[in-house]
C-alpha atoms as a PDB file:
ATOM      1  CA  MET A   1     -23.089 -84.847 109.056  1.00  0.00           C
ATOM      2  CA  ILE A   2     -25.643 -87.591 108.670  1.00  0.00           C
ATOM      3  CA  THR A   3     -26.463 -89.476 111.875  1.00  0.00           C
ATOM      4  CA  GLY A   4     -24.665 -92.819 111.895  1.00  0.00           C
ATOM      5  CA  MET A   5     -21.679 -91.581 109.910  1.00  0.00           C
ATOM      6  CA  GLU A   6     -19.759 -89.930 112.768  1.00  0.00           C
ATOM      7  CA  LYS A   7     -17.355 -92.869 113.026  1.00  0.00           C
ATOM      8  CA  SER A   8     -16.081 -95.335 110.486  1.00  0.00           C
ATOM      9  CA  ILE A   9     -13.814 -98.315 110.262  1.00  0.00           C
ATOM     10  CA  THR A  10     -11.801 -98.081 107.075  1.00  0.00           C
ATOM     11  CA  THR A  11      -9.840-100.862 105.448  1.00  0.00           C
ATOM     12  CA  PHE A  12      -7.244 -99.849 102.870  1.00  0.00           C
ATOM     13  CA  LYS A  13      -6.751-102.447 100.147  1.00  0.00           C
ATOM     14  CA  GLU A  14      -4.579-102.561  97.041  1.00  0.00           C
ATOM     15  CA  ASP A  15      -7.088-101.064  94.588  1.00  0.00           C
ATOM     16  CA  SER A  16      -9.552 -99.278  96.862  1.00  0.00           C
ATOM     17  CA  TYR A  17     -10.576 -98.722 100.444  1.00  0.00           C
ATOM     18  CA  ILE A  18     -13.806 -99.554 102.224  1.00  0.00           C
ATOM     19  CA  SER A  19     -15.360 -97.375 104.894  1.00  0.00           C
ATOM     20  CA  GLU A  20     -17.951 -98.975 107.152  1.00  0.00           C
ATOM     21  CA  THR A  21     -20.294 -96.858 109.306  1.00  0.00           C
ATOM     22  CA  ASN A  22     -23.479 -97.613 111.221  1.00  0.00           C
ATOM     23  CA  ILE A  23     -25.333 -96.924 107.974  1.00  0.00           C
ATOM     24  CA  GLY A  24     -23.402 -99.282 105.686  1.00  0.00           C
ATOM     25  CA  LYS A  25     -20.261 -99.869 103.649  1.00  0.00           C
ATOM     26  CA  THR A  26     -18.895 -97.691 100.868  1.00  0.00           C
ATOM     27  CA  GLU A  27     -15.990 -98.447  98.573  1.00  0.00           C
ATOM     28  CA  PHE A  28     -13.759 -95.590  97.460  1.00  0.00           C
ATOM     29  CA  TYR A  29     -11.094 -95.544  94.766  1.00  0.00           C
ATOM     30  CA  TYR A  30      -7.719 -93.888  95.178  1.00  0.00           C
ATOM     31  CA  ASN A  31      -7.873 -92.158  91.791  1.00  0.00           C
ATOM     32  CA  ASN A  32     -10.852 -90.066  92.999  1.00  0.00           C
ATOM     33  CA  ILE A  33      -8.761 -88.371  95.683  1.00  0.00           C
ATOM     34  CA  LYS A  34      -7.619 -84.959  94.408  1.00  0.00           C
ATOM     35  CA  ILE A  35      -5.652 -83.677  97.429  1.00  0.00           C
ATOM     36  CA  ILE A  36      -4.125 -85.338 100.476  1.00  0.00           C
ATOM     37  CA  ALA A  37      -3.345 -83.094 103.415  1.00  0.00           C
ATOM     38  CA  GLU A  38      -1.798 -83.867 106.766  1.00  0.00           C
ATOM     39  CA  THR A  39      -1.992 -82.161 110.125  1.00  0.00           C
ATOM     40  CA  GLU A  40      -0.329 -83.233 113.341  1.00  0.00           C
ATOM     41  CA  ASP A  41      -3.246 -85.538 114.145  1.00  0.00           C
ATOM     42  CA  TYR A  42      -5.140 -86.202 110.904  1.00  0.00           C
ATOM     43  CA  PHE A  43      -5.007 -87.132 107.229  1.00  0.00           C
ATOM     44  CA  ILE A  44      -7.519 -85.353 104.985  1.00  0.00           C
ATOM     45  CA  PHE A  45      -8.597 -86.696 101.598  1.00  0.00           C
ATOM     46  CA  VAL A  46     -10.237 -84.049  99.399  1.00  0.00           C
ATOM     47  CA  PHE A  47     -12.416 -85.204  96.507  1.00  0.00           C
ATOM     48  CA  ASP A  48     -13.954 -81.887  95.487  1.00  0.00           C
ATOM     49  CA  PRO A  49     -14.813 -78.545  97.132  1.00  0.00           C
ATOM     50  CA  SER A  50     -17.736 -80.069  99.051  1.00  0.00           C
ATOM     51  CA  HIS A  51     -16.545 -83.619  99.808  1.00  0.00           C
ATOM     52  CA  ALA A  52     -13.639 -84.669 101.992  1.00  0.00           C
ATOM     53  CA  GLN A  53     -12.771 -87.365 104.512  1.00  0.00           C
ATOM     54  CA  ILE A  54     -10.753 -86.994 107.705  1.00  0.00           C
ATOM     55  CA  TYR A  55      -8.809 -89.869 109.241  1.00  0.00           C
ATOM     56  CA  ASP A  56      -7.422 -89.737 112.765  1.00  0.00           C
ATOM     57  CA  LYS A  57      -3.807 -90.918 112.874  1.00  0.00           C
ATOM     58  CA  ASN A  58      -4.480 -92.483 116.266  1.00  0.00           C
ATOM     59  CA  GLY A  59      -6.886 -94.861 114.536  1.00  0.00           C
ATOM     60  CA  ILE A  60      -4.184 -96.602 112.505  1.00  0.00           C
ATOM     61  CA  THR A  61      -4.089-100.163 113.814  1.00  0.00           C
ATOM     62  CA  LYS A  62      -1.773-101.871 111.336  1.00  0.00           C
ATOM     63  CA  GLY A  63       1.634-100.532 110.407  1.00  0.00           C
ATOM     64  CA  THR A  64       3.067 -97.131 111.135  1.00  0.00           C
ATOM     65  CA  ILE A  65       2.102 -93.641 110.065  1.00  0.00           C
ATOM     66  CA  GLU A  66       5.170 -93.533 107.819  1.00  0.00           C
ATOM     67  CA  GLU A  67       4.163 -96.819 106.167  1.00  0.00           C
ATOM     68  CA  PHE A  68       0.661 -95.464 105.572  1.00  0.00           C
ATOM     69  CA  LYS A  69       2.041 -92.259 104.052  1.00  0.00           C
ATOM     70  CA  LYS A  70       4.192 -94.269 101.657  1.00  0.00           C
ATOM     71  CA  PHE A  71       1.253 -96.521 100.758  1.00  0.00           C
ATOM     72  CA  ILE A  72      -1.241 -93.702 100.130  1.00  0.00           C
ATOM     73  CA  THR A  73       1.200 -91.620  98.063  1.00  0.00           C
ATOM     74  CA  GLN A  74       1.975 -94.640  95.896  1.00  0.00           C
ATOM     75  CA  LYS A  75      -1.724 -95.435  95.383  1.00  0.00           C
ATOM     76  CA  THR A  76      -2.799 -91.875  94.605  1.00  0.00           C
ATOM     77  CA  GLU A  77       0.394 -90.594  93.007  1.00  0.00           C
ATOM     78  CA  LEU A  78      -0.179 -87.419  95.054  1.00  0.00           C
ATOM     79  CA  GLU A  79       2.175 -85.555  97.335  1.00  0.00           C
ATOM     80  CA  ILE A  80       0.928 -85.088 100.886  1.00  0.00           C
ATOM     81  CA  GLN A  81       0.483 -81.412 101.762  1.00  0.00           C
ATOM     82  CA  ASN A  82       1.308 -80.413 105.325  1.00  0.00           C
ATOM     83  CA  ILE A  83      -1.104 -77.919 106.859  1.00  0.00           C
END
């Protein structure tokens, strides 16, 4: 992992989401997510075999986990895989 990217603050919007790290801001689009997985503690967004993002459920500051799951499945049109 690149230094400065260990932590991020991510804001999920209607058409995209923005991840801000110590290095800068990056905008991502829901249609680029190929797989969504869920563990007891994390959500994982897979873009391709070498690029994924992990989001700690404890970091959700607005709404509930269930509300987020509904939101992200609607935006991506993907089913969340439990692992």
